[in-house]
């Protein structure tokens, strides 16, 4: 694997994060707390691996410009802007809900997770879309 392969890996990690998040949601809705915990820890782990891979890639390669023009460029830049902004903003909230869960402060964990979960899921899914638009379209 080379640095040039990292965008593909990043898309896989984003997709895996989305799957782990949806799996965790499925388990908590069925009150399977242990399976929920495992799925959410997997989502956190995959997201950390993504962040490391993303930083390594952009450290080595720099920015990659979207070459298309017109409406598709506007769509891409809108998705990229919301994806990036929400990804950065969501990090402290993910850390907070993880910390609350590990401390067994489930009431406060649940209250915040209701808002953090959909944003995290959006960031994971749009990460795959950004990859597809930038490298496969």
C-alpha atoms as a PDB file:
ATOM      1  CA  UNK A   1       0.000   0.000   0.000  1.00  0.00           C
ATOM      2  CA  UNK A   2       1.261   3.445  -0.896  1.00  0.00           C
ATOM      3  CA  UNK A   3       0.191   6.943   0.115  1.00  0.00           C
ATOM      4  CA  UNK A   4      -1.811   7.143  -3.129  1.00  0.00           C
ATOM      5  CA  UNK A   5      -3.993   4.251  -1.891  1.00  0.00           C
ATOM      6  CA  UNK A   6      -5.037   6.086   1.269  1.00  0.00           C
ATOM      7  CA  UNK A   7      -8.101   7.881  -0.175  1.00  0.00           C
ATOM      8  CA  UNK A   8      -9.599   4.476  -0.996  1.00  0.00           C
ATOM      9  CA  UNK A   9      -8.756   3.229   2.494  1.00  0.00           C
ATOM     10  CA  UNK A  10     -10.318   6.388   3.952  1.00  0.00           C
ATOM     11  CA  UNK A  11     -13.550   5.732   2.079  1.00  0.00           C
ATOM     12  CA  UNK A  12     -13.590   2.157   3.384  1.00  0.00           C
ATOM     13  CA  UNK A  13     -13.001   3.417   6.936  1.00  0.00           C
ATOM     14  CA  UNK A  14     -15.799   5.986   6.590  1.00  0.00           C
ATOM     15  CA  UNK A  15     -18.163   3.303   5.303  1.00  0.00           C
ATOM     16  CA  UNK A  16     -17.139   0.993   8.147  1.00  0.00           C
ATOM     17  CA  UNK A  17     -17.792   3.781  10.633  1.00  0.00           C
ATOM     18  CA  UNK A  18     -21.294   4.287   9.215  1.00  0.00           C
ATOM     19  CA  UNK A  19     -21.980   0.555   9.418  1.00  0.00           C
ATOM     20  CA  UNK A  20     -20.730   0.406  13.014  1.00  0.00           C
ATOM     21  CA  UNK A  21     -22.877   3.406  13.946  1.00  0.00           C
ATOM     22  CA  UNK A  22     -26.003   1.892  12.414  1.00  0.00           C
ATOM     23  CA  UNK A  23     -25.231  -1.441  14.054  1.00  0.00           C
ATOM     24  CA  UNK A  24     -24.787   0.276  17.421  1.00  0.00           C
ATOM     25  CA  UNK A  25     -28.085   2.092  16.953  1.00  0.00           C
ATOM     26  CA  UNK A  26     -29.801  -1.185  16.073  1.00  0.00           C
ATOM     27  CA  UNK A  27     -28.463  -2.847  19.225  1.00  0.00           C
ATOM     28  CA  UNK A  28     -29.333  -0.030  21.606  1.00  0.00           C
ATOM     29  CA  UNK A  29     -32.888   0.117  20.241  1.00  0.00           C
ATOM     30  CA  UNK A  30     -33.157  -3.576  21.198  1.00  0.00           C
ATOM     31  CA  UNK A  31     -31.586  -2.876  24.597  1.00  0.00           C
ATOM     32  CA  UNK A  32     -28.547  -5.038  23.834  1.00  0.00           C
ATOM     33  CA  UNK A  33     -26.150  -2.756  25.694  1.00  0.00           C
ATOM     34  CA  UNK A  34     -23.057  -4.944  25.389  1.00  0.00           C
ATOM     35  CA  UNK A  35     -23.394  -5.309  21.619  1.00  0.00           C
ATOM     36  CA  UNK A  36     -24.095  -1.555  21.380  1.00  0.00           C
ATOM     37  CA  UNK A  37     -20.936  -0.837  23.370  1.00  0.00           C
ATOM     38  CA  UNK A  38     -18.820  -3.029  21.096  1.00  0.00           C
ATOM     39  CA  UNK A  39     -20.256  -1.497  17.926  1.00  0.00           C
ATOM     40  CA  UNK A  40     -19.727   2.054  19.157  1.00  0.00           C
ATOM     41  CA  UNK A  41     -16.168   1.353  20.314  1.00  0.00           C
ATOM     42  CA  UNK A  42     -15.552  -0.094  16.850  1.00  0.00           C
ATOM     43  CA  UNK A  43     -16.991   3.093  15.302  1.00  0.00           C
ATOM     44  CA  UNK A  44     -14.639   5.180  17.448  1.00  0.00           C
ATOM     45  CA  UNK A  45     -11.652   3.002  16.555  1.00  0.00           C
ATOM     46  CA  UNK A  46     -12.378   3.100  12.841  1.00  0.00           C
ATOM     47  CA  UNK A  47     -12.850   6.874  13.010  1.00  0.00           C
ATOM     48  CA  UNK A  48      -9.483   7.312  14.724  1.00  0.00           C
ATOM     49  CA  UNK A  49      -7.835   5.118  12.066  1.00  0.00           C
ATOM     50  CA  UNK A  50      -9.510   7.272   9.412  1.00  0.00           C
ATOM     51  CA  UNK A  51      -8.182  10.456  10.990  1.00  0.00           C
ATOM     52  CA  UNK A  52      -4.630   9.107  11.114  1.00  0.00           C
ATOM     53  CA  UNK A  53      -4.803   7.936   7.499  1.00  0.00           C
ATOM     54  CA  UNK A  54      -6.358  11.233   6.371  1.00  0.00           C
ATOM     55  CA  UNK A  55      -3.642  13.310   8.040  1.00  0.00           C
ATOM     56  CA  UNK A  56      -0.853  11.128   6.615  1.00  0.00           C
ATOM     57  CA  UNK A  57      -2.310  11.384   3.110  1.00  0.00           C
ATOM     58  CA  UNK A  58      -2.784  15.141   3.147  1.00  0.00           C
ATOM     59  CA  UNK A  59       0.582  15.688   4.816  1.00  0.00           C
ATOM     60  CA  UNK A  60       2.223  13.861   1.913  1.00  0.00           C
ATOM     61  CA  UNK A  61       0.002  14.873  -1.016  1.00  0.00           C
ATOM     62  CA  UNK A  62      -1.605  18.145   0.020  1.00  0.00           C
ATOM     63  CA  UNK A  63      -4.968  19.288  -1.291  1.00  0.00           C
ATOM     64  CA  UNK A  64      -6.660  17.571  -4.190  1.00  0.00           C
ATOM     65  CA  UNK A  65      -8.659  19.903  -6.408  1.00  0.00           C
ATOM     66  CA  UNK A  66     -12.108  18.942  -7.710  1.00  0.00           C
ATOM     67  CA  UNK A  67     -11.756  19.272 -11.480  1.00  0.00           C
ATOM     68  CA  UNK A  68     -15.397  19.302 -12.566  1.00  0.00           C
ATOM     69  CA  UNK A  69     -17.234  22.563 -13.229  1.00  0.00           C
ATOM     70  CA  UNK A  70     -20.792  23.846 -13.135  1.00  0.00           C
ATOM     71  CA  UNK A  71     -23.564  22.605 -10.881  1.00  0.00           C
ATOM     72  CA  UNK A  72     -21.713  19.433  -9.873  1.00  0.00           C
ATOM     73  CA  UNK A  73     -18.872  21.560  -8.502  1.00  0.00           C
ATOM     74  CA  UNK A  74     -21.353  23.519  -6.378  1.00  0.00           C
ATOM     75  CA  UNK A  75     -22.882  20.262  -5.119  1.00  0.00           C
ATOM     76  CA  UNK A  76     -19.435  18.856  -4.323  1.00  0.00           C
ATOM     77  CA  UNK A  77     -18.279  21.989  -2.506  1.00  0.00           C
ATOM     78  CA  UNK A  78     -21.522  22.131  -0.495  1.00  0.00           C
ATOM     79  CA  UNK A  79     -21.159  18.514   0.585  1.00  0.00           C
ATOM     80  CA  UNK A  80     -17.453  19.019   1.332  1.00  0.00           C
ATOM     81  CA  UNK A  81     -18.114  22.168   3.370  1.00  0.00           C
ATOM     82  CA  UNK A  82     -20.853  20.580   5.496  1.00  0.00           C
ATOM     83  CA  UNK A  83     -18.871  17.349   5.851  1.00  0.00           C
ATOM     84  CA  UNK A  84     -15.690  19.116   6.983  1.00  0.00           C
ATOM     85  CA  UNK A  85     -17.398  21.601   9.288  1.00  0.00           C
ATOM     86  CA  UNK A  86     -19.518  18.979  11.009  1.00  0.00           C
ATOM     87  CA  UNK A  87     -16.596  16.523  11.260  1.00  0.00           C
ATOM     88  CA  UNK A  88     -14.482  19.084  13.095  1.00  0.00           C
ATOM     89  CA  UNK A  89     -17.345  20.302  15.279  1.00  0.00           C
ATOM     90  CA  UNK A  90     -18.432  16.786  16.209  1.00  0.00           C
ATOM     91  CA  UNK A  91     -15.084  15.527  17.558  1.00  0.00           C
ATOM     92  CA  UNK A  92     -15.412  17.017  21.075  1.00  0.00           C
ATOM     93  CA  UNK A  93     -18.998  15.771  21.292  1.00  0.00           C
ATOM     94  CA  UNK A  94     -17.996  12.223  20.310  1.00  0.00           C
ATOM     95  CA  UNK A  95     -15.273  12.310  22.947  1.00  0.00           C
ATOM     96  CA  UNK A  96     -17.805  13.563  25.502  1.00  0.00           C
ATOM     97  CA  UNK A  97     -20.397  10.867  24.808  1.00  0.00           C
ATOM     98  CA  UNK A  98     -17.684   8.212  24.831  1.00  0.00           C
ATOM     99  CA  UNK A  99     -16.378   9.478  28.167  1.00  0.00           C
ATOM    100  CA  UNK A 100     -19.900   9.576  29.627  1.00  0.00           C
ATOM    101  CA  UNK A 101     -20.605   6.035  28.494  1.00  0.00           C
ATOM    102  CA  UNK A 102     -17.314   4.722  29.879  1.00  0.00           C
ATOM    103  CA  UNK A 103     -18.107   6.438  33.207  1.00  0.00           C
ATOM    104  CA  UNK A 104     -21.537   4.807  33.105  1.00  0.00           C
ATOM    105  CA  UNK A 105     -23.281   8.198  33.076  1.00  0.00           C
ATOM    106  CA  UNK A 106     -25.877   6.814  30.710  1.00  0.00           C
ATOM    107  CA  UNK A 107     -28.563   9.458  31.175  1.00  0.00           C
ATOM    108  CA  UNK A 108     -26.256  12.298  30.123  1.00  0.00           C
ATOM    109  CA  UNK A 109     -24.693  10.064  27.458  1.00  0.00           C
ATOM    110  CA  UNK A 110     -28.110   9.345  25.942  1.00  0.00           C
ATOM    111  CA  UNK A 111     -29.209  13.002  26.009  1.00  0.00           C
ATOM    112  CA  UNK A 112     -26.183  14.147  23.994  1.00  0.00           C
ATOM    113  CA  UNK A 113     -25.925  11.047  21.778  1.00  0.00           C
ATOM    114  CA  UNK A 114     -29.342  11.827  20.277  1.00  0.00           C
ATOM    115  CA  UNK A 115     -27.744  14.823  18.584  1.00  0.00           C
ATOM    116  CA  UNK A 116     -24.234  13.513  18.028  1.00  0.00           C
ATOM    117  CA  UNK A 117     -25.243  10.231  16.381  1.00  0.00           C
ATOM    118  CA  UNK A 118     -26.971  11.695  13.290  1.00  0.00           C
ATOM    119  CA  UNK A 119     -24.161  14.199  12.746  1.00  0.00           C
ATOM    120  CA  UNK A 120     -21.524  11.471  13.051  1.00  0.00           C
ATOM    121  CA  UNK A 121     -23.491   9.283  10.646  1.00  0.00           C
ATOM    122  CA  UNK A 122     -23.825  12.186   8.193  1.00  0.00           C
ATOM    123  CA  UNK A 123     -20.073  12.818   8.352  1.00  0.00           C
ATOM    124  CA  UNK A 124     -19.297   9.139   7.731  1.00  0.00           C
ATOM    125  CA  UNK A 125     -21.669   8.834   4.768  1.00  0.00           C
ATOM    126  CA  UNK A 126     -20.664  12.140   3.194  1.00  0.00           C
ATOM    127  CA  UNK A 127     -17.018  11.114   3.569  1.00  0.00           C
ATOM    128  CA  UNK A 128     -17.711   8.257   1.172  1.00  0.00           C
ATOM    129  CA  UNK A 129     -19.610  10.605  -1.158  1.00  0.00           C
ATOM    130  CA  UNK A 130     -16.740  13.116  -1.173  1.00  0.00           C
ATOM    131  CA  UNK A 131     -14.303  10.308  -2.025  1.00  0.00           C
ATOM    132  CA  UNK A 132     -16.527   9.056  -4.822  1.00  0.00           C
ATOM    133  CA  UNK A 133     -17.012  12.518  -6.289  1.00  0.00           C
ATOM    134  CA  UNK A 134     -13.339  13.450  -6.050  1.00  0.00           C
ATOM    135  CA  UNK A 135     -11.662  10.217  -7.147  1.00  0.00           C
ATOM    136  CA  UNK A 136     -14.244   8.123  -9.021  1.00  0.00           C
ATOM    137  CA  UNK A 137     -16.534  10.541 -10.847  1.00  0.00           C
END
